Amino acid sequence: MLCDQPLVTPALLLTMIKQQQAGHAPVVAAAYGGTLGVPAVFSADSFPALRQLASAEGARKVIASYGNSAGSVPFPGGIFDVDTPAQYASLLENDMGDQATEDSDLPTEPLA
């Protein structure tokens, strides 16, 4: 997980965990913006590859290495990240939190 994706919900994370456990995929990643990315749930077999990443490198390289073996969960809100107060204000103004979490049956508060 990243700390700048305020639209991540408990429901999204639980869906990803359940899919990984049920299908035993090496990774289940969030699908947004035409790609797979974080948040993601990795099997223990993925840990060596994750440990080899350079400090500035994200997990996208490891996720991509699994190709069609990677599972995915739709997360349209994943394209929104908040790095500045202006981006946060824009997120609130556009009411994106409601759109990203409307299908959830769990509380929709973003994780802190």
Protein backbone atom coordinates (compact mmCIF):
# COMPACT_ATOMS: atom_id res chain seq x y z
CA MET A 1 0.00 0.00 0.00
CA LEU A 2 0.91 3.59 -0.47
CA CYS A 3 -0.03 6.35 1.92
CA ASP A 4 -1.08 8.76 -0.86
CA GLN A 5 -4.11 6.78 -2.11
CA PRO A 6 -6.91 8.05 0.14
CA LEU A 7 -9.65 6.10 -1.64
CA VAL A 8 -8.41 2.69 -0.51
CA THR A 9 -11.13 1.11 1.63
CA PRO A 10 -11.30 -1.89 3.91
CA ALA A 11 -13.70 -3.49 1.39
CA LEU A 12 -11.11 -3.21 -1.40
CA LEU A 13 -8.39 -4.76 0.74
CA LEU A 14 -10.63 -7.60 1.90
CA THR A 15 -11.66 -8.34 -1.69
CA MET A 16 -8.02 -8.51 -2.73
CA ILE A 17 -7.09 -10.78 0.17
CA LYS A 18 -10.02 -13.11 -0.46
CA GLN A 19 -9.21 -13.34 -4.17
CA GLN A 20 -5.56 -14.13 -3.46
CA GLN A 21 -6.48 -16.78 -0.91
CA ALA A 22 -9.16 -18.39 -3.09
CA GLY A 23 -7.13 -18.44 -6.29
CA HIS A 24 -3.63 -18.75 -4.83
CA ALA A 25 -2.41 -16.14 -7.33
CA PRO A 26 1.17 -15.03 -6.73
CA VAL A 27 -0.14 -11.46 -6.59
CA VAL A 28 -3.51 -9.74 -6.70
CA ALA A 29 -3.18 -6.10 -7.68
CA ALA A 30 -5.47 -3.12 -8.02
CA ALA A 31 -6.54 -2.40 -11.60
CA TYR A 32 -6.79 1.27 -12.58
CA GLY A 33 -5.71 3.55 -15.38
CA GLY A 34 -5.09 0.63 -17.74
CA THR A 35 -2.51 -1.00 -15.47
CA LEU A 36 -2.07 -3.13 -12.37
CA GLY A 37 -0.55 -1.50 -9.32
CA VAL A 38 -0.76 -1.03 -5.61
CA PRO A 39 -2.33 -1.75 -3.32
CA ALA A 40 -1.47 -5.37 -3.97
CA VAL A 41 -1.46 -8.63 -2.04
CA PHE A 42 1.60 -10.79 -2.61
CA SER A 43 2.12 -14.45 -1.83
CA ALA A 44 5.13 -15.38 0.28
CA ASP A 45 6.81 -16.69 -2.89
CA SER A 46 6.99 -13.06 -4.10
CA PHE A 47 8.96 -11.78 -1.12
CA PRO A 48 12.46 -12.44 -2.53
CA ALA A 49 11.65 -10.41 -5.66
CA LEU A 50 10.19 -7.61 -3.55
CA ARG A 51 13.29 -7.53 -1.35
CA GLN A 52 15.48 -7.06 -4.43
CA LEU A 53 13.73 -3.84 -5.46
CA ALA A 54 15.77 -0.67 -5.17
CA SER A 55 14.48 1.76 -2.55
CA ALA A 56 12.90 4.12 -5.09
CA GLU A 57 11.52 1.29 -7.21
CA GLY A 58 7.87 0.39 -6.81
CA ALA A 59 6.32 -3.05 -6.84
CA ARG A 60 4.88 -2.53 -10.35
CA LYS A 61 7.88 -4.35 -11.83
CA VAL A 62 7.21 -7.42 -9.68
CA ILE A 63 3.49 -7.30 -10.42
CA ALA A 64 4.17 -7.09 -14.17
CA SER A 65 6.59 -10.02 -13.99
CA TYR A 66 3.69 -12.36 -13.23
CA GLY A 67 1.84 -11.49 -16.43
CA ASN A 68 -1.45 -13.36 -16.75
CA SER A 69 -0.83 -15.17 -13.45
CA ALA A 70 -1.52 -11.96 -11.57
CA GLY A 71 -5.03 -11.48 -10.27
CA SER A 72 -6.71 -8.10 -10.30
CA VAL A 73 -9.47 -6.21 -8.56
CA PRO A 74 -10.98 -3.10 -10.17
CA PHE A 75 -10.10 0.06 -8.25
CA PRO A 76 -11.00 3.14 -10.33
CA GLY A 77 -10.04 5.35 -7.38
CA GLY A 78 -6.46 4.15 -7.66
CA ILE A 79 -5.66 6.82 -10.23
CA PHE A 80 -6.13 9.48 -7.55
CA ASP A 81 -3.22 10.09 -5.28
CA VAL A 82 -2.76 12.97 -2.92
CA ASP A 83 0.67 14.51 -2.58
CA THR A 84 -0.26 18.15 -1.98
CA PRO A 85 -2.95 20.14 -0.14
CA ALA A 86 -4.23 21.29 -3.55
CA GLN A 87 -4.70 17.69 -4.71
CA TYR A 88 -6.55 16.89 -1.51
CA ALA A 89 -8.83 19.90 -1.97
CA SER A 90 -9.50 18.85 -5.55
CA LEU A 91 -10.36 15.34 -4.43
CA LEU A 92 -12.87 16.71 -1.92
CA GLU A 93 -14.35 19.17 -4.43
CA ASN A 94 -14.91 16.43 -7.00
CA ASP A 95 -16.49 14.09 -4.44
CA MET A 96 -14.32 11.26 -5.79
CA GLY A 97 -14.44 9.37 -2.50
CA ASP A 98 -18.14 8.65 -2.92
CA GLN A 99 -17.68 7.42 -6.49
CA ALA A 100 -14.81 5.10 -5.64
CA THR A 101 -16.52 3.43 -2.71
CA GLU A 102 -20.21 3.37 -3.62
CA ASP A 103 -20.30 -0.40 -4.18
CA SER A 104 -18.79 -1.27 -0.83
CA ASP A 105 -20.86 -2.99 1.84
CA LEU A 106 -18.30 -2.08 4.48
CA PRO A 107 -17.57 1.37 5.95
CA THR A 108 -16.33 3.68 3.22
CA GLU A 109 -13.91 5.74 5.23
CA PRO A 110 -10.46 5.80 3.61
CA LEU A 111 -7.74 4.08 5.57
CA ALA A 112 -5.39 6.43 7.34
